[in-house]
Amino acid sequence: MKLLLDACVLYPTVIRNLLLNVSDELRWDINWSARILEEWRRASAKTNLEAEAQAEAEITMLKVKYPKASVNNFERHISKLYLPDQNDLHVLAAAIESNTNIIVTLNLRDFPNSELVKYGVRSVHPDELLYKEALGNFDLISNLVSTILNDFNSNEANKLNEYRLLKKAKLNRLSKLFR
């Protein structure tokens, strides 16, 4: 499976780590562009300087771990594309340039499948993607969620279980499998 990860799924730690870990295990081909990574960094900067520095460090690690994930030369497609939010055209252009058929995003309204189908692309919410994967491979997803939960709980005073962690991350359908 070939996926382009939008900035909005890279910014939240739980969603990002779960998507990356599942991608590693299942050999999904994941992609993003420097512009998408920059959007993530800027979103973090709005939180505080510490969050921005953490995002910069994580982006650097991603570039090292996934050197082939970065999509370049996508700008040439932008002028030929249409989306409701013109600021998202670069995401679709990167998907087209990388021959990616799935954009993983929290913002489905900004990527209507009725428009994306013209380009051989579709958008999917990370909850839908991970839920469907868990239906066929629950042990793998459960183990990866447990690992993320352990990391999360080691830094938090209020301990969460898998259900609450996923619910907090807005992975509602997936969370129901952990009730």
C-alpha atoms as a PDB file:
ATOM      1  CA  MET A   1       0.000   0.000   0.000  1.00  0.00           C
ATOM      2  CA  LYS A   2       1.313   3.443  -0.899  1.00  0.00           C
ATOM      3  CA  LEU A   3       0.275   6.350   1.339  1.00  0.00           C
ATOM      4  CA  LEU A   4       0.885  10.076   1.432  1.00  0.00           C
ATOM      5  CA  LEU A   5       0.677  11.360   5.008  1.00  0.00           C
ATOM      6  CA  ASP A   6      -0.802  14.839   5.399  1.00  0.00           C
ATOM      7  CA  ALA A   7       0.677  17.165   8.039  1.00  0.00           C
ATOM      8  CA  CYS A   8      -2.423  16.798  10.213  1.00  0.00           C
ATOM      9  CA  VAL A   9      -1.672  13.083  10.766  1.00  0.00           C
ATOM     10  CA  LEU A  10       2.022  13.710  11.419  1.00  0.00           C
ATOM     11  CA  TYR A  11       1.436  16.370  14.069  1.00  0.00           C
ATOM     12  CA  PRO A  12      -0.435  14.219  16.659  1.00  0.00           C
ATOM     13  CA  THR A  13       2.101  11.876  18.249  1.00  0.00           C
ATOM     14  CA  VAL A  14      -0.169   8.855  18.740  1.00  0.00           C
ATOM     15  CA  ILE A  15      -1.530   8.889  15.186  1.00  0.00           C
ATOM     16  CA  ARG A  16       1.911   9.517  13.674  1.00  0.00           C
ATOM     17  CA  ASN A  17       3.627   6.783  15.665  1.00  0.00           C
ATOM     18  CA  LEU A  18       0.883   4.266  15.010  1.00  0.00           C
ATOM     19  CA  LEU A  19       0.872   4.954  11.258  1.00  0.00           C
ATOM     20  CA  LEU A  20       4.670   4.781  11.064  1.00  0.00           C
ATOM     21  CA  ASN A  21       4.900   1.606  13.158  1.00  0.00           C
ATOM     22  CA  VAL A  22       2.176  -0.141  11.155  1.00  0.00           C
ATOM     23  CA  SER A  23       3.897   1.022   7.968  1.00  0.00           C
ATOM     24  CA  ASP A  24       7.177  -0.474   9.155  1.00  0.00           C
ATOM     25  CA  GLU A  25       5.578  -3.802  10.041  1.00  0.00           C
ATOM     26  CA  LEU A  26       3.415  -4.137   6.941  1.00  0.00           C
ATOM     27  CA  ARG A  27       5.882  -2.558   4.522  1.00  0.00           C
ATOM     28  CA  TRP A  28       3.529   0.234   3.528  1.00  0.00           C
ATOM     29  CA  ASP A  29       5.225   2.763   1.282  1.00  0.00           C
ATOM     30  CA  ILE A  30       4.783   6.106   3.055  1.00  0.00           C
ATOM     31  CA  ASN A  31       5.430   9.515   1.576  1.00  0.00           C
ATOM     32  CA  TRP A  32       5.358  13.216   2.405  1.00  0.00           C
ATOM     33  CA  SER A  33       6.982  16.346   1.054  1.00  0.00           C
ATOM     34  CA  ALA A  34       9.269  18.912   2.662  1.00  0.00           C
ATOM     35  CA  ARG A  35       6.308  21.298   2.559  1.00  0.00           C
ATOM     36  CA  ILE A  36       4.135  18.835   4.505  1.00  0.00           C
ATOM     37  CA  LEU A  37       6.882  18.427   7.107  1.00  0.00           C
ATOM     38  CA  GLU A  38       7.182  22.219   7.323  1.00  0.00           C
ATOM     39  CA  GLU A  39       3.426  22.498   7.946  1.00  0.00           C
ATOM     40  CA  TRP A  40       3.841  20.053  10.840  1.00  0.00           C
ATOM     41  CA  ARG A  41       6.724  22.110  12.250  1.00  0.00           C
ATOM     42  CA  ARG A  42       4.735  25.363  11.965  1.00  0.00           C
ATOM     43  CA  ALA A  43       1.696  23.798  13.658  1.00  0.00           C
ATOM     44  CA  SER A  44       3.943  22.710  16.530  1.00  0.00           C
ATOM     45  CA  ALA A  45       5.449  26.198  16.766  1.00  0.00           C
ATOM     46  CA  LYS A  46       1.978  27.558  17.523  1.00  0.00           C
ATOM     47  CA  THR A  47       1.923  25.415  20.672  1.00  0.00           C
ATOM     48  CA  ASN A  48       5.238  26.568  22.141  1.00  0.00           C
ATOM     49  CA  LEU A  49       8.971  26.643  21.451  1.00  0.00           C
ATOM     50  CA  GLU A  50       9.521  23.274  23.113  1.00  0.00           C
ATOM     51  CA  ALA A  51       6.928  21.639  20.852  1.00  0.00           C
ATOM     52  CA  GLU A  52       8.558  23.239  17.814  1.00  0.00           C
ATOM     53  CA  ALA A  53      11.994  21.962  18.842  1.00  0.00           C
ATOM     54  CA  GLN A  54      10.576  18.486  19.422  1.00  0.00           C
ATOM     55  CA  ALA A  55       8.896  18.519  16.000  1.00  0.00           C
ATOM     56  CA  GLU A  56      12.159  19.614  14.365  1.00  0.00           C
ATOM     57  CA  ALA A  57      14.001  16.735  16.053  1.00  0.00           C
ATOM     58  CA  GLU A  58      11.321  14.228  15.034  1.00  0.00           C
ATOM     59  CA  ILE A  59      11.331  15.527  11.460  1.00  0.00           C
ATOM     60  CA  THR A  60      15.101  15.110  11.321  1.00  0.00           C
ATOM     61  CA  MET A  61      14.772  11.530  12.586  1.00  0.00           C
ATOM     62  CA  LEU A  62      12.069  10.773   9.995  1.00  0.00           C
ATOM     63  CA  LYS A  63      14.264  12.090   7.196  1.00  0.00           C
ATOM     64  CA  VAL A  64      17.043   9.742   8.323  1.00  0.00           C
ATOM     65  CA  LYS A  65      14.813   6.709   8.892  1.00  0.00           C
ATOM     66  CA  TYR A  66      12.751   7.185   5.713  1.00  0.00           C
ATOM     67  CA  PRO A  67      15.117   8.774   3.177  1.00  0.00           C
ATOM     68  CA  LYS A  68      12.963   7.727   0.215  1.00  0.00           C
ATOM     69  CA  ALA A  69       9.713   9.093   1.674  1.00  0.00           C
ATOM     70  CA  SER A  70      10.225  12.684   0.575  1.00  0.00           C
ATOM     71  CA  VAL A  71       8.438  13.639  -2.641  1.00  0.00           C
ATOM     72  CA  ASN A  72      10.099  16.292  -4.792  1.00  0.00           C
ATOM     73  CA  ASN A  73       9.195  18.073  -8.041  1.00  0.00           C
ATOM     74  CA  PHE A  74       5.467  17.975  -7.282  1.00  0.00           C
ATOM     75  CA  GLU A  75       4.924  21.717  -7.796  1.00  0.00           C
ATOM     76  CA  ARG A  76       4.545  21.284 -11.566  1.00  0.00           C
ATOM     77  CA  HIS A  77       1.160  19.604 -10.996  1.00  0.00           C
ATOM     78  CA  ILE A  78      -0.385  22.305  -8.795  1.00  0.00           C
ATOM     79  CA  SER A  79      -1.667  24.628 -11.533  1.00  0.00           C
ATOM     80  CA  LYS A  80      -3.688  21.779 -13.079  1.00  0.00           C
ATOM     81  CA  LEU A  81      -5.438  20.736  -9.864  1.00  0.00           C
ATOM     82  CA  TYR A  82      -8.571  21.722  -7.990  1.00  0.00           C
ATOM     83  CA  LEU A  83      -9.521  21.224  -4.341  1.00  0.00           C
ATOM     84  CA  PRO A  84     -11.929  23.187  -2.129  1.00  0.00           C
ATOM     85  CA  ASP A  85      -8.961  24.569  -0.176  1.00  0.00           C
ATOM     86  CA  GLN A  86      -6.283  25.799  -2.570  1.00  0.00           C
ATOM     87  CA  ASN A  87      -3.729  25.574   0.262  1.00  0.00           C
ATOM     88  CA  ASP A  88      -4.000  21.774   0.066  1.00  0.00           C
ATOM     89  CA  LEU A  89      -3.135  21.473  -3.620  1.00  0.00           C
ATOM     90  CA  HIS A  90       0.491  20.721  -2.766  1.00  0.00           C
ATOM     91  CA  VAL A  91      -0.639  17.574  -0.901  1.00  0.00           C
ATOM     92  CA  LEU A  92      -2.545  16.259  -3.912  1.00  0.00           C
ATOM     93  CA  ALA A  93       0.330  17.252  -6.202  1.00  0.00           C
ATOM     94  CA  ALA A  94       2.770  15.277  -4.029  1.00  0.00           C
ATOM     95  CA  ALA A  95       0.448  12.259  -4.154  1.00  0.00           C
ATOM     96  CA  ILE A  96       0.307  12.457  -7.945  1.00  0.00           C
ATOM     97  CA  GLU A  97       4.077  12.916  -8.312  1.00  0.00           C
ATOM     98  CA  SER A  98       4.787   9.900  -6.090  1.00  0.00           C
ATOM     99  CA  ASN A  99       2.108   7.728  -7.735  1.00  0.00           C
ATOM    100  CA  THR A 100       0.425   7.435  -4.357  1.00  0.00           C
ATOM    101  CA  ASN A 101      -3.211   6.441  -4.470  1.00  0.00           C
ATOM    102  CA  ILE A 102      -4.160   7.211  -0.841  1.00  0.00           C
ATOM    103  CA  ILE A 103      -3.875  10.481   1.078  1.00  0.00           C
ATOM    104  CA  VAL A 104      -4.161   9.869   4.824  1.00  0.00           C
ATOM    105  CA  THR A 105      -5.708  12.969   6.401  1.00  0.00           C
ATOM    106  CA  LEU A 106      -7.945  14.103   9.220  1.00  0.00           C
ATOM    107  CA  ASN A 107      -9.412  16.738   6.886  1.00  0.00           C
ATOM    108  CA  LEU A 108     -11.592  14.670   4.569  1.00  0.00           C
ATOM    109  CA  ARG A 109     -13.706  17.714   3.633  1.00  0.00           C
ATOM    110  CA  ASP A 110     -10.622  19.321   2.107  1.00  0.00           C
ATOM    111  CA  PHE A 111      -9.920  16.215   0.022  1.00  0.00           C
ATOM    112  CA  PRO A 112     -13.278  15.104  -1.427  1.00  0.00           C
ATOM    113  CA  ASN A 113     -13.017  11.733  -3.118  1.00  0.00           C
ATOM    114  CA  SER A 114     -15.368  12.985  -5.842  1.00  0.00           C
ATOM    115  CA  GLU A 115     -12.553  15.335  -6.901  1.00  0.00           C
ATOM    116  CA  LEU A 116      -9.596  13.061  -6.084  1.00  0.00           C
ATOM    117  CA  VAL A 117     -10.900  10.198  -8.242  1.00  0.00           C
ATOM    118  CA  LYS A 118     -10.023  12.294 -11.319  1.00  0.00           C
ATOM    119  CA  TYR A 119      -6.382  11.865 -10.348  1.00  0.00           C
ATOM    120  CA  GLY A 120      -6.512   8.213  -9.291  1.00  0.00           C
ATOM    121  CA  VAL A 121      -6.272   9.184  -5.632  1.00  0.00           C
ATOM    122  CA  ARG A 122      -8.587   8.865  -2.639  1.00  0.00           C
ATOM    123  CA  SER A 123      -8.526  10.267   0.865  1.00  0.00           C
ATOM    124  CA  VAL A 124      -8.869   8.172   3.982  1.00  0.00           C
ATOM    125  CA  HIS A 125      -9.077   9.070   7.664  1.00  0.00           C
ATOM    126  CA  PRO A 126      -6.368   7.377   9.772  1.00  0.00           C
ATOM    127  CA  ASP A 127      -9.095   5.899  11.982  1.00  0.00           C
ATOM    128  CA  GLU A 128     -10.669   4.136   8.998  1.00  0.00           C
ATOM    129  CA  LEU A 129      -7.316   2.894   7.726  1.00  0.00           C
ATOM    130  CA  LEU A 130      -6.144   1.590  11.095  1.00  0.00           C
ATOM    131  CA  TYR A 131      -9.551   0.157  12.032  1.00  0.00           C
ATOM    132  CA  LYS A 132      -9.736  -1.866   8.818  1.00  0.00           C
ATOM    133  CA  GLU A 133      -6.185  -3.090   9.343  1.00  0.00           C
ATOM    134  CA  ALA A 134      -6.997  -4.076  12.932  1.00  0.00           C
ATOM    135  CA  LEU A 135      -9.986  -6.128  11.785  1.00  0.00           C
ATOM    136  CA  GLY A 136      -7.642  -8.370   9.826  1.00  0.00           C
ATOM    137  CA  ASN A 137      -4.537  -8.107  11.965  1.00  0.00           C
ATOM    138  CA  PHE A 138      -5.619  -7.268  15.507  1.00  0.00           C
ATOM    139  CA  ASP A 139      -2.626  -8.823  17.296  1.00  0.00           C
ATOM    140  CA  LEU A 140      -0.171  -6.641  15.391  1.00  0.00           C
ATOM    141  CA  ILE A 141      -2.180  -3.454  15.926  1.00  0.00           C
ATOM    142  CA  SER A 142      -2.755  -4.314  19.589  1.00  0.00           C
ATOM    143  CA  ASN A 143       0.971  -4.828  20.185  1.00  0.00           C
ATOM    144  CA  LEU A 144       1.836  -1.548  18.480  1.00  0.00           C
ATOM    145  CA  VAL A 145      -0.835   0.338  20.446  1.00  0.00           C
ATOM    146  CA  SER A 146       0.497  -1.189  23.683  1.00  0.00           C
ATOM    147  CA  THR A 147       4.019  -0.002  22.863  1.00  0.00           C
ATOM    148  CA  ILE A 148       2.778   3.528  22.183  1.00  0.00           C
ATOM    149  CA  LEU A 149       0.660   3.412  25.347  1.00  0.00           C
ATOM    150  CA  ASN A 150       3.665   2.419  27.461  1.00  0.00           C
ATOM    151  CA  ASP A 151       5.678   5.327  26.038  1.00  0.00           C
ATOM    152  CA  PHE A 152       2.775   7.708  26.614  1.00  0.00           C
ATOM    153  CA  ASN A 153       2.105   6.547  30.169  1.00  0.00           C
ATOM    154  CA  SER A 154       5.783   6.831  31.116  1.00  0.00           C
ATOM    155  CA  ASN A 155       5.493  10.598  30.552  1.00  0.00           C
ATOM    156  CA  GLU A 156       2.036  11.234  31.990  1.00  0.00           C
ATOM    157  CA  ALA A 157       0.767  11.452  35.548  1.00  0.00           C
ATOM    158  CA  ASN A 158      -2.693  10.195  34.571  1.00  0.00           C
ATOM    159  CA  LYS A 159      -2.326   6.721  33.138  1.00  0.00           C
ATOM    160  CA  LEU A 160      -4.516   5.726  30.208  1.00  0.00           C
ATOM    161  CA  ASN A 161      -5.570   2.375  28.834  1.00  0.00           C
ATOM    162  CA  GLU A 162      -5.589   1.533  25.120  1.00  0.00           C
ATOM    163  CA  TYR A 163      -9.217   2.569  24.677  1.00  0.00           C
ATOM    164  CA  ARG A 164      -8.732   6.010  26.254  1.00  0.00           C
ATOM    165  CA  LEU A 165      -5.437   6.630  24.448  1.00  0.00           C
ATOM    166  CA  LEU A 166      -7.014   5.945  21.053  1.00  0.00           C
ATOM    167  CA  LYS A 167     -10.168   7.881  21.940  1.00  0.00           C
ATOM    168  CA  LYS A 168      -8.043  10.861  22.999  1.00  0.00           C
ATOM    169  CA  ALA A 169      -6.234  10.610  19.647  1.00  0.00           C
ATOM    170  CA  LYS A 170      -9.634  10.726  17.881  1.00  0.00           C
ATOM    171  CA  LEU A 171      -9.242   7.177  16.582  1.00  0.00           C
ATOM    172  CA  ASN A 172     -12.801   6.412  17.668  1.00  0.00           C
ATOM    173  CA  ARG A 173     -13.591   3.298  15.621  1.00  0.00           C
ATOM    174  CA  LEU A 174     -10.228   1.745  16.426  1.00  0.00           C
ATOM    175  CA  SER A 175     -10.668   2.550  20.118  1.00  0.00           C
ATOM    176  CA  LYS A 176     -13.889   0.513  20.254  1.00  0.00           C
ATOM    177  CA  LEU A 177     -11.899  -2.634  19.464  1.00  0.00           C
ATOM    178  CA  PHE A 178     -10.039  -2.101  22.757  1.00  0.00           C
ATOM    179  CA  ARG A 179     -13.050  -1.813  25.070  1.00  0.00           C
END
